[in-house]
Amino acid sequence: MTAQNDMAKLFRSLHSQAAPLALANVWDPVSARLVEDSGAQAVATTSAGVAWGLGAADGNRVDREEAIAMVGRIAAAVAVPVSADIESGFGRDAAEVADTVTRVIAAGVVGVNIEDAHTEPSSPLRPAAEQADRIAAARTAADATGVPLYVNARIDTYLLGAGEETARLRETLDRARAYLDAGADGVFVPGVADLAVIAALTDDIDAPVNILAGPGSPSVAELAEAGVARVSLGSGVAEAAYAVVRRAARELAAAGTYSALTGVVDYRELNRLLSGGA
């Protein structure tokens, strides 16, 4: 447990506005090893990528047992801290969220993302008080293991366009405060690319702020200037990998050619990474 505690402390220390933690999110041991081999200081999973790799749609529809098992294989494949995106906690209530957190810690992770989106037709977001209870349960469960788990509270107000646009910033800040009071360590606000809005978030949130990035987003340096401490690519890398599959398949079927396979990672290189070779 000491080694995992050390990893947890290291992961927590990597959240810095001076040099934001940049995470190219992974979905299996191979992608995790590739990211680690690139020099990454930590690895984080993408819930969407994990779900797709297991043959399920994203959005709390993947089998919890299979998802946790995959997280464990990812954690075992790398020597850097691993954070797991556990969607809304893979549980119907706070007690089940706590159970999920206990089990992912046992699988070797030192951080989790827990989102406040849900699938109820009445609202795209859980009530803030209900979500705070789920985060508090996650915090209590983590503390009981002795591992100082980093709980990243994801707020989907912007990603889902929830509520009136003019009230969205205030709603996000109110939720951030409630989740931090419940025991979260950081706040993740995907769906925001406007640097003025991002700066307003970091100014008012008394914790590390995580932003989702991709084509068209501000650079890591620009996000650092706006006060961001963590930058994630989310499902983007997995989507790019699957785009190669589609391009190769369509080219093969339509033209009988193979140019989509130019620039792939070499077979021997992948074997080296997974065999522990230098």
Protein backbone atom coordinates (compact mmCIF):
# COMPACT_ATOMS: atom_id res chain seq x y z
CA MET A 1 0.00 0.00 0.00
CA THR A 2 2.96 2.31 0.65
CA ALA A 3 3.95 2.27 -3.01
CA GLN A 4 0.38 3.13 -4.03
CA ASN A 5 0.29 5.91 -1.44
CA ASP A 6 3.50 7.33 -2.88
CA MET A 7 1.96 7.21 -6.35
CA ALA A 8 -1.14 9.00 -5.05
CA LYS A 9 0.95 11.75 -3.49
CA LEU A 10 2.97 12.11 -6.69
CA PHE A 11 -0.20 12.32 -8.78
CA ARG A 12 -1.63 15.01 -6.53
CA SER A 13 1.61 17.05 -6.79
CA LEU A 14 1.48 17.02 -10.61
CA HIS A 15 -1.56 19.34 -10.66
CA SER A 16 0.09 22.72 -11.15
CA GLN A 17 -0.83 25.96 -12.86
CA ALA A 18 2.85 26.56 -13.58
CA ALA A 19 3.09 23.31 -15.57
CA PRO A 20 -0.34 21.71 -16.09
CA LEU A 21 -0.61 17.95 -16.00
CA ALA A 22 -1.25 16.98 -19.65
CA LEU A 23 -3.07 13.68 -20.10
CA ALA A 24 -3.53 11.79 -23.36
CA ASN A 25 -6.28 9.48 -22.13
CA VAL A 26 -5.96 5.73 -22.71
CA TRP A 27 -8.29 2.74 -22.92
CA ASP A 28 -6.16 -0.41 -22.77
CA PRO A 29 -2.65 -1.55 -21.72
CA VAL A 30 -1.15 -0.88 -25.17
CA SER A 31 -2.35 2.72 -25.34
CA ALA A 32 -1.23 3.19 -21.72
CA ARG A 33 2.27 1.92 -22.47
CA LEU A 34 2.52 4.14 -25.55
CA VAL A 35 1.56 7.20 -23.51
CA GLU A 36 3.97 6.29 -20.73
CA ASP A 37 6.76 5.69 -23.26
CA SER A 38 6.17 9.19 -24.65
CA GLY A 39 7.38 10.59 -21.33
CA ALA A 40 4.01 11.22 -19.71
CA GLN A 41 4.12 11.73 -15.94
CA ALA A 42 0.80 9.96 -15.41
CA VAL A 43 -1.88 8.02 -17.26
CA ALA A 44 -5.64 8.57 -17.18
CA THR A 45 -8.33 6.44 -18.75
CA THR A 46 -11.15 7.57 -20.99
CA SER A 47 -14.44 6.00 -19.96
CA ALA A 48 -15.68 6.17 -23.54
CA GLY A 49 -12.58 4.43 -24.89
CA VAL A 50 -12.75 1.71 -22.24
CA ALA A 51 -16.45 1.14 -22.94
CA TRP A 52 -15.93 1.01 -26.72
CA GLY A 53 -13.02 -1.40 -26.32
CA LEU A 54 -15.28 -3.66 -24.26
CA GLY A 55 -18.04 -3.54 -26.87
CA ALA A 56 -20.37 -1.16 -25.03
CA ALA A 57 -21.59 2.39 -25.57
CA ASP A 58 -20.36 5.15 -23.28
CA GLY A 59 -22.73 6.68 -20.74
CA ASN A 60 -22.99 4.29 -17.78
CA ARG A 61 -23.74 1.31 -20.02
CA VAL A 62 -20.52 -0.69 -19.73
CA ASP A 63 -20.38 -3.66 -17.35
CA ARG A 64 -18.78 -2.44 -14.12
CA GLU A 65 -16.84 -5.66 -13.55
CA GLU A 66 -15.30 -5.52 -17.01
CA ALA A 67 -14.46 -1.82 -16.72
CA ILE A 68 -12.72 -2.25 -13.36
CA ALA A 69 -10.82 -5.27 -14.67
CA MET A 70 -9.58 -3.20 -17.62
CA VAL A 71 -8.53 -0.38 -15.30
CA GLY A 72 -6.55 -2.94 -13.30
CA ARG A 73 -4.78 -4.21 -16.41
CA ILE A 74 -3.89 -0.63 -17.37
CA ALA A 75 -2.54 0.12 -13.88
CA ALA A 76 -0.46 -3.06 -13.96
CA ALA A 77 1.01 -2.18 -17.37
CA VAL A 78 2.65 1.12 -16.37
CA ALA A 79 4.96 2.47 -13.69
CA VAL A 80 3.38 5.93 -13.44
CA PRO A 81 0.26 7.03 -11.51
CA VAL A 82 -3.08 6.02 -13.06
CA SER A 83 -6.39 7.83 -12.75
CA ALA A 84 -9.62 6.14 -13.81
CA ASP A 85 -12.68 7.76 -15.33
CA ILE A 86 -15.50 5.91 -13.57
CA GLU A 87 -18.32 7.88 -15.24
CA SER A 88 -20.90 8.64 -12.54
CA GLY A 89 -19.44 6.00 -10.24
CA PHE A 90 -20.97 2.88 -11.83
CA GLY A 91 -23.64 2.93 -9.15
CA ARG A 92 -27.29 3.72 -8.65
CA ASP A 93 -26.69 5.35 -5.29
CA ALA A 94 -23.91 6.70 -3.08
CA ALA A 95 -23.26 3.31 -1.47
CA GLU A 96 -22.60 1.70 -4.84
CA VAL A 97 -20.29 4.59 -5.81
CA ALA A 98 -18.34 3.95 -2.60
CA ASP A 99 -18.04 0.28 -3.51
CA THR A 100 -16.77 1.16 -6.98
CA VAL A 101 -14.13 3.49 -5.52
CA THR A 102 -12.94 0.84 -3.07
CA ARG A 103 -12.58 -1.63 -5.91
CA VAL A 104 -10.75 0.65 -8.34
CA ILE A 105 -8.28 1.54 -5.60
CA ALA A 106 -7.72 -2.18 -5.09
CA ALA A 107 -7.12 -2.38 -8.86
CA GLY A 108 -4.21 0.05 -8.45
CA VAL A 109 -5.48 3.53 -9.35
CA VAL A 110 -4.71 6.71 -7.43
CA GLY A 111 -7.28 9.05 -8.95
CA VAL A 112 -10.85 8.98 -10.25
CA ASN A 113 -13.15 11.20 -12.29
CA ILE A 114 -16.79 11.24 -11.17
CA GLU A 115 -19.27 13.11 -13.38
CA ASP A 116 -22.60 14.71 -12.52
CA ALA A 117 -24.29 13.81 -15.80
CA HIS A 118 -26.87 11.06 -15.69
CA THR A 119 -29.35 9.40 -18.03
CA GLU A 120 -32.63 10.49 -16.45
CA PRO A 121 -34.90 12.14 -19.06
CA SER A 122 -35.98 14.88 -16.64
CA SER A 123 -32.56 16.55 -16.50
CA PRO A 124 -29.11 16.02 -18.01
CA LEU A 125 -27.48 16.63 -14.61
CA ARG A 126 -27.99 15.13 -11.20
CA PRO A 127 -29.17 17.56 -8.54
CA ALA A 128 -26.07 19.11 -6.98
CA ALA A 129 -26.92 17.88 -3.48
CA GLU A 130 -27.32 14.31 -4.71
CA GLN A 131 -24.02 14.48 -6.57
CA ALA A 132 -22.31 15.92 -3.50
CA ASP A 133 -23.53 12.89 -1.51
CA ARG A 134 -22.00 10.57 -4.10
CA ILE A 135 -18.67 12.43 -3.96
CA ALA A 136 -18.73 12.36 -0.15
CA ALA A 137 -19.26 8.59 -0.30
CA ALA A 138 -16.32 8.26 -2.68
CA ARG A 139 -14.15 10.34 -0.34
CA THR A 140 -15.11 8.28 2.71
CA ALA A 141 -14.49 5.01 0.88
CA ALA A 142 -11.09 6.17 -0.34
CA ASP A 143 -10.04 7.41 3.09
CA ALA A 144 -10.99 4.05 4.59
CA THR A 145 -8.42 2.34 2.36
CA GLY A 146 -5.64 4.67 3.48
CA VAL A 147 -4.88 5.73 -0.10
CA PRO A 148 -5.08 9.54 -0.60
CA LEU A 149 -7.15 9.17 -3.77
CA TYR A 150 -7.44 12.25 -5.99
CA VAL A 151 -11.16 12.79 -6.63
CA ASN A 152 -11.75 14.89 -9.74
CA ALA A 153 -15.35 16.16 -9.78
CA ARG A 154 -16.55 16.53 -13.34
CA ILE A 155 -19.23 19.16 -13.97
CA ASP A 156 -21.07 18.76 -17.28
CA THR A 157 -22.93 22.07 -17.39
CA TYR A 158 -21.01 23.28 -20.46
CA LEU A 159 -20.50 19.92 -22.14
CA LEU A 160 -24.25 19.22 -22.14
CA GLY A 161 -25.38 22.84 -22.49
CA ALA A 162 -27.42 22.49 -19.32
CA GLY A 163 -29.64 25.38 -18.29
CA GLU A 164 -29.63 28.95 -19.56
CA GLU A 165 -26.31 30.06 -21.02
CA THR A 166 -26.29 33.25 -18.95
CA ALA A 167 -26.56 31.22 -15.73
CA ARG A 168 -24.14 28.45 -16.69
CA LEU A 169 -21.02 29.96 -15.11
CA ARG A 170 -22.76 30.56 -11.78
CA GLU A 171 -24.26 27.06 -11.81
CA THR A 172 -20.82 25.57 -12.50
CA LEU A 173 -19.21 27.54 -9.69
CA ASP A 174 -21.98 26.63 -7.25
CA ARG A 175 -21.60 22.96 -8.11
CA ALA A 176 -17.82 23.17 -7.81
CA ARG A 177 -18.12 24.61 -4.31
CA ALA A 178 -20.57 21.90 -3.24
CA TYR A 179 -18.41 19.11 -4.61
CA LEU A 180 -15.22 20.45 -3.04
CA ASP A 181 -17.03 20.78 0.29
CA ALA A 182 -18.04 17.12 -0.10
CA GLY A 183 -14.42 16.00 -0.45
CA ALA A 184 -13.41 16.44 -4.09
CA ASP A 185 -9.80 17.46 -4.72
CA GLY A 186 -10.20 19.04 -8.14
CA VAL A 187 -12.84 20.14 -10.63
CA PHE A 188 -13.13 19.06 -14.27
CA VAL A 189 -15.19 21.28 -16.59
CA PRO A 190 -15.30 19.79 -20.11
CA GLY A 191 -16.90 21.66 -23.00
CA VAL A 192 -15.25 25.04 -22.38
CA ALA A 193 -12.77 26.59 -24.85
CA ASP A 194 -13.25 30.31 -24.22
CA LEU A 195 -10.21 31.53 -22.28
CA ALA A 196 -12.21 34.26 -20.56
CA VAL A 197 -14.67 31.70 -19.18
CA ILE A 198 -11.84 29.37 -18.22
CA ALA A 199 -10.08 32.20 -16.36
CA ALA A 200 -13.32 33.01 -14.55
CA LEU A 201 -13.55 29.37 -13.46
CA THR A 202 -9.98 29.15 -12.20
CA ASP A 203 -10.28 32.51 -10.41
CA ASP A 204 -13.31 31.37 -8.42
CA ILE A 205 -12.57 27.67 -7.85
CA ASP A 206 -10.25 27.07 -4.93
CA ALA A 207 -8.80 23.83 -6.32
CA PRO A 208 -7.01 22.56 -9.45
CA VAL A 209 -9.16 22.98 -12.56
CA ASN A 210 -9.12 20.39 -15.38
CA ILE A 211 -10.10 21.33 -18.94
CA LEU A 212 -10.87 19.03 -21.89
CA ALA A 213 -8.83 19.90 -25.00
CA GLY A 214 -8.74 18.97 -28.65
CA PRO A 215 -8.47 20.54 -32.11
CA GLY A 216 -9.39 24.22 -31.82
CA SER A 217 -8.79 24.39 -28.08
CA PRO A 218 -6.27 26.79 -26.54
CA SER A 219 -2.77 25.35 -26.19
CA VAL A 220 -1.51 23.95 -22.90
CA ALA A 221 0.59 27.10 -22.48
CA GLU A 222 -2.49 29.31 -22.99
CA LEU A 223 -4.51 27.21 -20.56
CA ALA A 224 -1.71 27.48 -18.00
CA GLU A 225 -1.81 31.25 -18.37
CA ALA A 226 -5.55 31.09 -17.65
CA GLY A 227 -4.87 29.17 -14.43
CA VAL A 228 -5.60 25.59 -15.55
CA ALA A 229 -3.76 22.83 -13.67
CA ARG A 230 -4.74 19.78 -15.74
CA VAL A 231 -5.47 19.27 -19.45
CA SER A 232 -7.10 16.10 -20.81
CA LEU A 233 -7.70 14.80 -24.32
CA GLY A 234 -10.62 12.64 -23.18
CA SER A 235 -11.92 10.23 -25.82
CA GLY A 236 -10.10 12.10 -28.60
CA VAL A 237 -7.14 9.75 -28.93
CA ALA A 238 -9.40 6.68 -29.03
CA GLU A 239 -11.57 8.39 -31.65
CA ALA A 240 -8.48 9.11 -33.75
CA ALA A 241 -7.37 5.47 -33.49
CA TYR A 242 -10.78 4.24 -34.61
CA ALA A 243 -10.72 6.73 -37.48
CA VAL A 244 -7.64 4.91 -38.82
CA VAL A 245 -9.58 1.63 -38.69
CA ARG A 246 -12.42 3.15 -40.72
CA ARG A 247 -10.12 4.81 -43.26
CA ALA A 248 -8.14 1.61 -43.79
CA ALA A 249 -11.27 -0.52 -44.15
CA ARG A 250 -12.94 1.88 -46.59
CA GLU A 251 -9.79 2.27 -48.68
CA LEU A 252 -9.32 -1.50 -48.81
CA ALA A 253 -12.95 -2.07 -49.84
CA ALA A 254 -13.14 0.76 -52.37
CA ALA A 255 -9.68 0.92 -53.93
CA GLY A 256 -7.88 -2.21 -52.81
CA THR A 257 -4.98 -0.06 -51.57
CA TYR A 258 -3.37 0.47 -48.17
CA SER A 259 -2.13 4.05 -47.77
CA ALA A 260 -4.14 4.51 -44.57
CA LEU A 261 -1.62 2.21 -42.89
CA THR A 262 1.28 4.58 -43.51
CA GLY A 263 2.98 5.74 -40.32
CA VAL A 264 1.69 3.00 -38.01
CA VAL A 265 3.50 1.95 -34.85
CA ASP A 266 5.78 -0.92 -35.78
CA TYR A 267 4.87 -4.47 -34.73
CA ARG A 268 8.23 -4.97 -33.04
CA GLU A 269 7.87 -1.68 -31.14
CA LEU A 270 4.49 -2.69 -29.72
CA ASN A 271 5.85 -6.07 -28.72
CA ARG A 272 8.81 -4.39 -27.04
CA LEU A 273 6.56 -2.12 -25.02
CA LEU A 274 4.41 -4.99 -23.79
CA SER A 275 7.33 -7.32 -23.03
CA GLY A 276 9.06 -4.78 -20.82
CA GLY A 277 11.98 -4.32 -23.21
CA ALA A 278 14.06 -1.18 -23.20
